[in-house]
């Protein structure tokens, strides 16, 4: 994977870029040019949010059936 700085990626119209350096959580992944977030961190956050939402839905369904 080619190392590209964020400014260059934005100038070239790229959606993602690769720095070659790990993010603060240690991932070596591409980053978004829009907000600079590591794609692996974004995936983990989405997974955690999905699990939390499913748990809230499950709790709501249980409370409706027990009433």
PDB file of N, CA and C in Angstrom:
ATOM      1  N   UNK A   1       0.845  -1.166   0.000  1.00  0.00           N
ATOM      2  CA  UNK A   1       0.000   0.000   0.000  1.00  0.00           C
ATOM      3  C   UNK A   1       0.896   1.236   0.000  1.00  0.00           C
ATOM      4  N   UNK A   2       0.540   2.210  -0.785  1.00  0.00           N
ATOM      5  CA  UNK A   2       1.342   3.422  -0.930  1.00  0.00           C
ATOM      6  C   UNK A   2       1.047   4.413   0.191  1.00  0.00           C
ATOM      7  N   UNK A   3       2.093   4.958   0.777  1.00  0.00           N
ATOM      8  CA  UNK A   3       1.940   5.942   1.848  1.00  0.00           C
ATOM      9  C   UNK A   3       1.613   7.301   1.234  1.00  0.00           C
ATOM     10  N   UNK A   4       0.509   7.896   1.716  1.00  0.00           N
ATOM     11  CA  UNK A   4       0.027   9.184   1.207  1.00  0.00           C
ATOM     12  C   UNK A   4      -0.353  10.056   2.393  1.00  0.00           C
ATOM     13  N   UNK A   5       0.012  11.322   2.342  1.00  0.00           N
ATOM     14  CA  UNK A   5      -0.410  12.252   3.394  1.00  0.00           C
ATOM     15  C   UNK A   5      -1.846  12.674   3.149  1.00  0.00           C
ATOM     16  N   UNK A   6      -2.514  13.069   4.214  1.00  0.00           N
ATOM     17  CA  UNK A   6      -3.931  13.431   4.127  1.00  0.00           C
ATOM     18  C   UNK A   6      -4.161  14.600   3.168  1.00  0.00           C
ATOM     19  N   UNK A   7      -3.331  15.612   3.243  1.00  0.00           N
ATOM     20  CA  UNK A   7      -3.493  16.784   2.377  1.00  0.00           C
ATOM     21  C   UNK A   7      -3.405  16.388   0.904  1.00  0.00           C
ATOM     22  N   UNK A   8      -2.479  15.505   0.588  1.00  0.00           N
ATOM     23  CA  UNK A   8      -2.341  15.045  -0.798  1.00  0.00           C
ATOM     24  C   UNK A   8      -3.556  14.216  -1.215  1.00  0.00           C
ATOM     25  N   UNK A   9      -4.030  13.374  -0.305  1.00  0.00           N
ATOM     26  CA  UNK A   9      -5.200  12.548  -0.608  1.00  0.00           C
ATOM     27  C   UNK A   9      -6.421  13.426  -0.876  1.00  0.00           C
ATOM     28  N   UNK A  10      -6.588  14.477  -0.095  1.00  0.00           N
ATOM     29  CA  UNK A  10      -7.703  15.405  -0.299  1.00  0.00           C
ATOM     30  C   UNK A  10      -7.545  16.113  -1.639  1.00  0.00           C
ATOM     31  N   UNK A  11      -6.332  16.565  -1.939  1.00  0.00           N
ATOM     32  CA  UNK A  11      -6.073  17.271  -3.195  1.00  0.00           C
ATOM     33  C   UNK A  11      -6.339  16.379  -4.411  1.00  0.00           C
ATOM     34  N   UNK A  12      -6.064  15.078  -4.271  1.00  0.00           N
ATOM     35  CA  UNK A  12      -6.275  14.138  -5.371  1.00  0.00           C
ATOM     36  C   UNK A  12      -7.699  13.580  -5.404  1.00  0.00           C
ATOM     37  N   UNK A  13      -8.518  13.950  -4.430  1.00  0.00           N
ATOM     38  CA  UNK A  13      -9.900  13.501  -4.402  1.00  0.00           C
ATOM     39  C   UNK A  13     -10.084  12.073  -3.918  1.00  0.00           C
ATOM     40  N   UNK A  14      -9.111  11.564  -3.166  1.00  0.00           N
ATOM     41  CA  UNK A  14      -9.214  10.200  -2.640  1.00  0.00           C
ATOM     42  C   UNK A  14     -10.150  10.164  -1.436  1.00  0.00           C
ATOM     43  N   UNK A  15     -10.834   9.043  -1.257  1.00  0.00           N
ATOM     44  CA  UNK A  15     -11.722   8.894  -0.101  1.00  0.00           C
ATOM     45  C   UNK A  15     -10.958   8.397   1.122  1.00  0.00           C
ATOM     46  N   UNK A  16      -9.917   7.596   0.884  1.00  0.00           N
ATOM     47  CA  UNK A  16      -9.099   7.069   1.975  1.00  0.00           C
ATOM     48  C   UNK A  16      -7.624   7.225   1.625  1.00  0.00           C
ATOM     49  N   UNK A  17      -6.783   7.170   2.644  1.00  0.00           N
ATOM     50  CA  UNK A  17      -5.345   7.246   2.461  1.00  0.00           C
ATOM     51  C   UNK A  17      -4.668   6.368   3.489  1.00  0.00           C
ATOM     52  N   UNK A  18      -3.401   6.096   3.299  1.00  0.00           N
ATOM     53  CA  UNK A  18      -2.641   5.229   4.192  1.00  0.00           C
ATOM     54  C   UNK A  18      -1.399   5.961   4.661  1.00  0.00           C
ATOM     55  N   UNK A  19      -1.199   6.018   5.979  1.00  0.00           N
ATOM     56  CA  UNK A  19      -0.058   6.742   6.531  1.00  0.00           C
ATOM     57  C   UNK A  19       1.152   5.853   6.789  1.00  0.00           C
ATOM     58  N   UNK A  20       0.926   4.553   6.957  1.00  0.00           N
ATOM     59  CA  UNK A  20       2.020   3.653   7.294  1.00  0.00           C
ATOM     60  C   UNK A  20       2.334   3.649   8.776  1.00  0.00           C
ATOM     61  N   UNK A  21       1.602   4.456   9.544  1.00  0.00           N
ATOM     62  CA  UNK A  21       1.788   4.514  10.997  1.00  0.00           C
ATOM     63  C   UNK A  21       0.539   3.983  11.685  1.00  0.00           C
ATOM     64  N   UNK A  22       0.700   3.332  12.830  1.00  0.00           N
ATOM     65  CA  UNK A  22      -0.481   2.831  13.538  1.00  0.00           C
ATOM     66  C   UNK A  22      -1.296   3.971  14.151  1.00  0.00           C
ATOM     67  N   UNK A  23      -2.603   3.745  14.264  1.00  0.00           N
ATOM     68  CA  UNK A  23      -3.468   4.720  14.928  1.00  0.00           C
ATOM     69  C   UNK A  23      -3.260   4.609  16.440  1.00  0.00           C
ATOM     70  N   UNK A  24      -3.999   5.396  17.209  1.00  0.00           N
ATOM     71  CA  UNK A  24      -3.792   5.383  18.662  1.00  0.00           C
ATOM     72  C   UNK A  24      -4.162   4.046  19.300  1.00  0.00           C
ATOM     73  N   UNK A  25      -4.937   3.212  18.581  1.00  0.00           N
ATOM     74  CA  UNK A  25      -5.285   1.880  19.091  1.00  0.00           C
ATOM     75  C   UNK A  25      -4.411   0.784  18.491  1.00  0.00           C
ATOM     76  N   UNK A  26      -3.448   1.181  17.660  1.00  0.00           N
ATOM     77  CA  UNK A  26      -2.483   0.234  17.122  1.00  0.00           C
ATOM     78  C   UNK A  26      -2.826  -0.382  15.778  1.00  0.00           C
ATOM     79  N   UNK A  27      -3.892   0.061  15.127  1.00  0.00           N
ATOM     80  CA  UNK A  27      -4.265  -0.484  13.822  1.00  0.00           C
ATOM     81  C   UNK A  27      -3.402   0.101  12.715  1.00  0.00           C
ATOM     82  N   UNK A  28      -3.010  -0.735  11.777  1.00  0.00           N
ATOM     83  CA  UNK A  28      -2.339  -0.283  10.558  1.00  0.00           C
ATOM     84  C   UNK A  28      -3.365  -0.406   9.444  1.00  0.00           C
ATOM     85  N   UNK A  29      -4.194   0.593   9.307  1.00  0.00           N
ATOM     86  CA  UNK A  29      -5.298   0.553   8.346  1.00  0.00           C
ATOM     87  C   UNK A  29      -5.404   1.891   7.631  1.00  0.00           C
ATOM     88  N   UNK A  30      -6.233   1.913   6.590  1.00  0.00           N
ATOM     89  CA  UNK A  30      -6.464   3.166   5.875  1.00  0.00           C
ATOM     90  C   UNK A  30      -7.225   4.126   6.776  1.00  0.00           C
ATOM     91  N   UNK A  31      -7.177   5.384   6.395  1.00  0.00           N
ATOM     92  CA  UNK A  31      -7.890   6.426   7.140  1.00  0.00           C
ATOM     93  C   UNK A  31      -8.792   7.193   6.183  1.00  0.00           C
ATOM     94  N   UNK A  32      -9.851   7.762   6.716  1.00  0.00           N
ATOM     95  CA  UNK A  32     -10.789   8.546   5.926  1.00  0.00           C
ATOM     96  C   UNK A  32     -10.234   9.948   5.712  1.00  0.00           C
ATOM     97  N   UNK A  33     -10.350  10.461   4.496  1.00  0.00           N
ATOM     98  CA  UNK A  33      -9.896  11.825   4.244  1.00  0.00           C
ATOM     99  C   UNK A  33     -10.842  12.847   4.865  1.00  0.00           C
ATOM    100  N   UNK A  34     -12.098  12.471   5.076  1.00  0.00           N
ATOM    101  CA  UNK A  34     -13.079  13.398   5.622  1.00  0.00           C
ATOM    102  C   UNK A  34     -12.780  13.736   7.083  1.00  0.00           C
ATOM    103  N   UNK A  35     -12.576  12.711   7.912  1.00  0.00           N
ATOM    104  CA  UNK A  35     -12.364  12.966   9.340  1.00  0.00           C
ATOM    105  C   UNK A  35     -11.069  12.378   9.876  1.00  0.00           C
ATOM    106  N   UNK A  36     -10.293  11.690   9.052  1.00  0.00           N
ATOM    107  CA  UNK A  36      -9.000  11.160   9.459  1.00  0.00           C
ATOM    108  C   UNK A  36      -9.057   9.933  10.336  1.00  0.00           C
ATOM    109  N   UNK A  37     -10.237   9.367  10.513  1.00  0.00           N
ATOM    110  CA  UNK A  37     -10.394   8.217  11.398  1.00  0.00           C
ATOM    111  C   UNK A  37      -9.874   6.943  10.741  1.00  0.00           C
ATOM    112  N   UNK A  38      -9.307   6.091  11.546  1.00  0.00           N
ATOM    113  CA  UNK A  38      -8.818   4.786  11.118  1.00  0.00           C
ATOM    114  C   UNK A  38     -10.014   3.909  10.750  1.00  0.00           C
ATOM    115  N   UNK A  39      -9.951   3.230   9.602  1.00  0.00           N
ATOM    116  CA  UNK A  39     -11.092   2.422   9.153  1.00  0.00           C
ATOM    117  C   UNK A  39     -11.358   1.250  10.089  1.00  0.00           C
ATOM    118  N   UNK A  40     -10.324   0.687  10.707  1.00  0.00           N
ATOM    119  CA  UNK A  40     -10.526  -0.412  11.655  1.00  0.00           C
ATOM    120  C   UNK A  40     -11.232   0.092  12.920  1.00  0.00           C
ATOM    121  N   UNK A  41     -10.877   1.279  13.382  1.00  0.00           N
ATOM    122  CA  UNK A  41     -11.540   1.862  14.558  1.00  0.00           C
ATOM    123  C   UNK A  41     -13.008   2.152  14.259  1.00  0.00           C
ATOM    124  N   UNK A  42     -13.277   2.641  13.050  1.00  0.00           N
ATOM    125  CA  UNK A  42     -14.653   2.932  12.650  1.00  0.00           C
ATOM    126  C   UNK A  42     -15.470   1.648  12.637  1.00  0.00           C
ATOM    127  N   UNK A  43     -14.904   0.567  12.064  1.00  0.00           N
ATOM    128  CA  UNK A  43     -15.610  -0.721  12.041  1.00  0.00           C
ATOM    129  C   UNK A  43     -15.903  -1.218  13.448  1.00  0.00           C
ATOM    130  N   UNK A  44     -14.915  -1.102  14.351  1.00  0.00           N
ATOM    131  CA  UNK A  44     -15.121  -1.537  15.739  1.00  0.00           C
ATOM    132  C   UNK A  44     -16.212  -0.716  16.411  1.00  0.00           C
ATOM    133  N   UNK A  45     -16.216   0.584  16.208  1.00  0.00           N
ATOM    134  CA  UNK A  45     -17.231   1.447  16.813  1.00  0.00           C
ATOM    135  C   UNK A  45     -18.615   1.105  16.278  1.00  0.00           C
ATOM    136  N   UNK A  46     -18.716   0.841  14.978  1.00  0.00           N
ATOM    137  CA  UNK A  46     -20.003   0.462  14.390  1.00  0.00           C
ATOM    138  C   UNK A  46     -20.487  -0.864  14.969  1.00  0.00           C
ATOM    139  N   UNK A  47     -19.576  -1.825  15.115  1.00  0.00           N
ATOM    140  CA  UNK A  47     -19.931  -3.124  15.680  1.00  0.00           C
ATOM    141  C   UNK A  47     -20.442  -2.964  17.118  1.00  0.00           C
ATOM    142  N   UNK A  48     -19.734  -2.168  17.921  1.00  0.00           N
ATOM    143  CA  UNK A  48     -20.139  -1.940  19.305  1.00  0.00           C
ATOM    144  C   UNK A  48     -21.503  -1.258  19.375  1.00  0.00           C
ATOM    145  N   UNK A  49     -21.736  -0.281  18.506  1.00  0.00           N
ATOM    146  CA  UNK A  49     -23.016   0.423  18.487  1.00  0.00           C
ATOM    147  C   UNK A  49     -24.143  -0.527  18.082  1.00  0.00           C
ATOM    148  N   UNK A  50     -23.874  -1.407  17.110  1.00  0.00           N
ATOM    149  CA  UNK A  50     -24.882  -2.368  16.662  1.00  0.00           C
ATOM    150  C   UNK A  50     -25.245  -3.338  17.787  1.00  0.00           C
ATOM    151  N   UNK A  51     -24.244  -3.817  18.512  1.00  0.00           N
ATOM    152  CA  UNK A  51     -24.483  -4.729  19.630  1.00  0.00           C
ATOM    153  C   UNK A  51     -25.291  -4.031  20.716  1.00  0.00           C
ATOM    154  N   UNK A  52     -24.946  -2.784  21.024  1.00  0.00           N
ATOM    155  CA  UNK A  52     -25.665  -2.023  22.050  1.00  0.00           C
ATOM    156  C   UNK A  52     -27.113  -1.782  21.634  1.00  0.00           C
ATOM    157  N   UNK A  53     -27.331  -1.463  20.361  1.00  0.00           N
ATOM    158  CA  UNK A  53     -28.687  -1.233  19.874  1.00  0.00           C
ATOM    159  C   UNK A  53     -29.520  -2.503  19.961  1.00  0.00           C
ATOM    160  N   UNK A  54     -28.942  -3.627  19.573  1.00  0.00           N
ATOM    161  CA  UNK A  54     -29.665  -4.908  19.670  1.00  0.00           C
ATOM    162  C   UNK A  54     -30.040  -5.216  21.107  1.00  0.00           C
ATOM    163  N   UNK A  55     -29.135  -4.923  22.041  1.00  0.00           N
ATOM    164  CA  UNK A  55     -29.414  -5.166  23.455  1.00  0.00           C
ATOM    165  C   UNK A  55     -30.562  -4.275  23.937  1.00  0.00           C
ATOM    166  N   UNK A  56     -30.567  -3.000  23.516  1.00  0.00           N
ATOM    167  CA  UNK A  56     -31.658  -2.097  23.916  1.00  0.00           C
ATOM    168  C   UNK A  56     -32.984  -2.548  23.327  1.00  0.00           C
ATOM    169  N   UNK A  57     -32.971  -3.005  22.087  1.00  0.00           N
ATOM    170  CA  UNK A  57     -34.200  -3.488  21.459  1.00  0.00           C
ATOM    171  C   UNK A  57     -34.702  -4.726  22.194  1.00  0.00           C
ATOM    172  N   UNK A  58     -33.796  -5.643  22.518  1.00  0.00           N
ATOM    173  CA  UNK A  58     -34.156  -6.864  23.242  1.00  0.00           C
ATOM    174  C   UNK A  58     -34.772  -6.522  24.602  1.00  0.00           C
ATOM    175  N   UNK A  59     -34.169  -5.566  25.314  1.00  0.00           N
ATOM    176  CA  UNK A  59     -34.695  -5.156  26.622  1.00  0.00           C
ATOM    177  C   UNK A  59     -36.080  -4.543  26.479  1.00  0.00           C
ATOM    178  N   UNK A  60     -36.277  -3.722  25.459  1.00  0.00           N
ATOM    179  CA  UNK A  60     -37.571  -3.090  25.256  1.00  0.00           C
ATOM    180  C   UNK A  60     -38.633  -4.128  24.934  1.00  0.00           C
ATOM    181  N   UNK A  61     -38.295  -5.121  24.117  1.00  0.00           N
ATOM    182  CA  UNK A  61     -39.246  -6.168  23.772  1.00  0.00           C
ATOM    183  C   UNK A  61     -39.602  -7.011  24.992  1.00  0.00           C
ATOM    184  N   UNK A  62     -38.614  -7.277  25.835  1.00  0.00           N
ATOM    185  CA  UNK A  62     -38.856  -8.057  27.055  1.00  0.00           C
ATOM    186  C   UNK A  62     -39.745  -7.281  28.026  1.00  0.00           C
ATOM    187  N   UNK A  63     -39.521  -5.975  28.133  1.00  0.00           N
ATOM    188  CA  UNK A  63     -40.331  -5.196  29.065  1.00  0.00           C
ATOM    189  C   UNK A  63     -41.767  -5.066  28.567  1.00  0.00           C
ATOM    190  N   UNK A  64     -41.976  -5.037  27.266  1.00  0.00           N
ATOM    191  CA  UNK A  64     -43.338  -4.975  26.724  1.00  0.00           C
ATOM    192  C   UNK A  64     -44.088  -6.287  26.924  1.00  0.00           C
ATOM    193  N   UNK A  65     -43.397  -7.397  26.812  1.00  0.00           N
ATOM    194  CA  UNK A  65     -44.065  -8.695  26.947  1.00  0.00           C
ATOM    195  C   UNK A  65     -44.325  -9.048  28.403  1.00  0.00           C
ATOM    196  N   UNK A  66     -43.530  -8.501  29.326  1.00  0.00           N
ATOM    197  CA  UNK A  66     -43.708  -8.832  30.734  1.00  0.00           C
ATOM    198  C   UNK A  66     -44.778  -7.963  31.406  1.00  0.00           C
ATOM    199  N   UNK A  67     -45.222  -6.923  30.761  1.00  0.00           N
ATOM    200  CA  UNK A  67     -46.218  -6.017  31.361  1.00  0.00           C
ATOM    201  C   UNK A  67     -47.605  -6.519  31.120  1.00  0.00           C
TER     202      UNK A  67
END
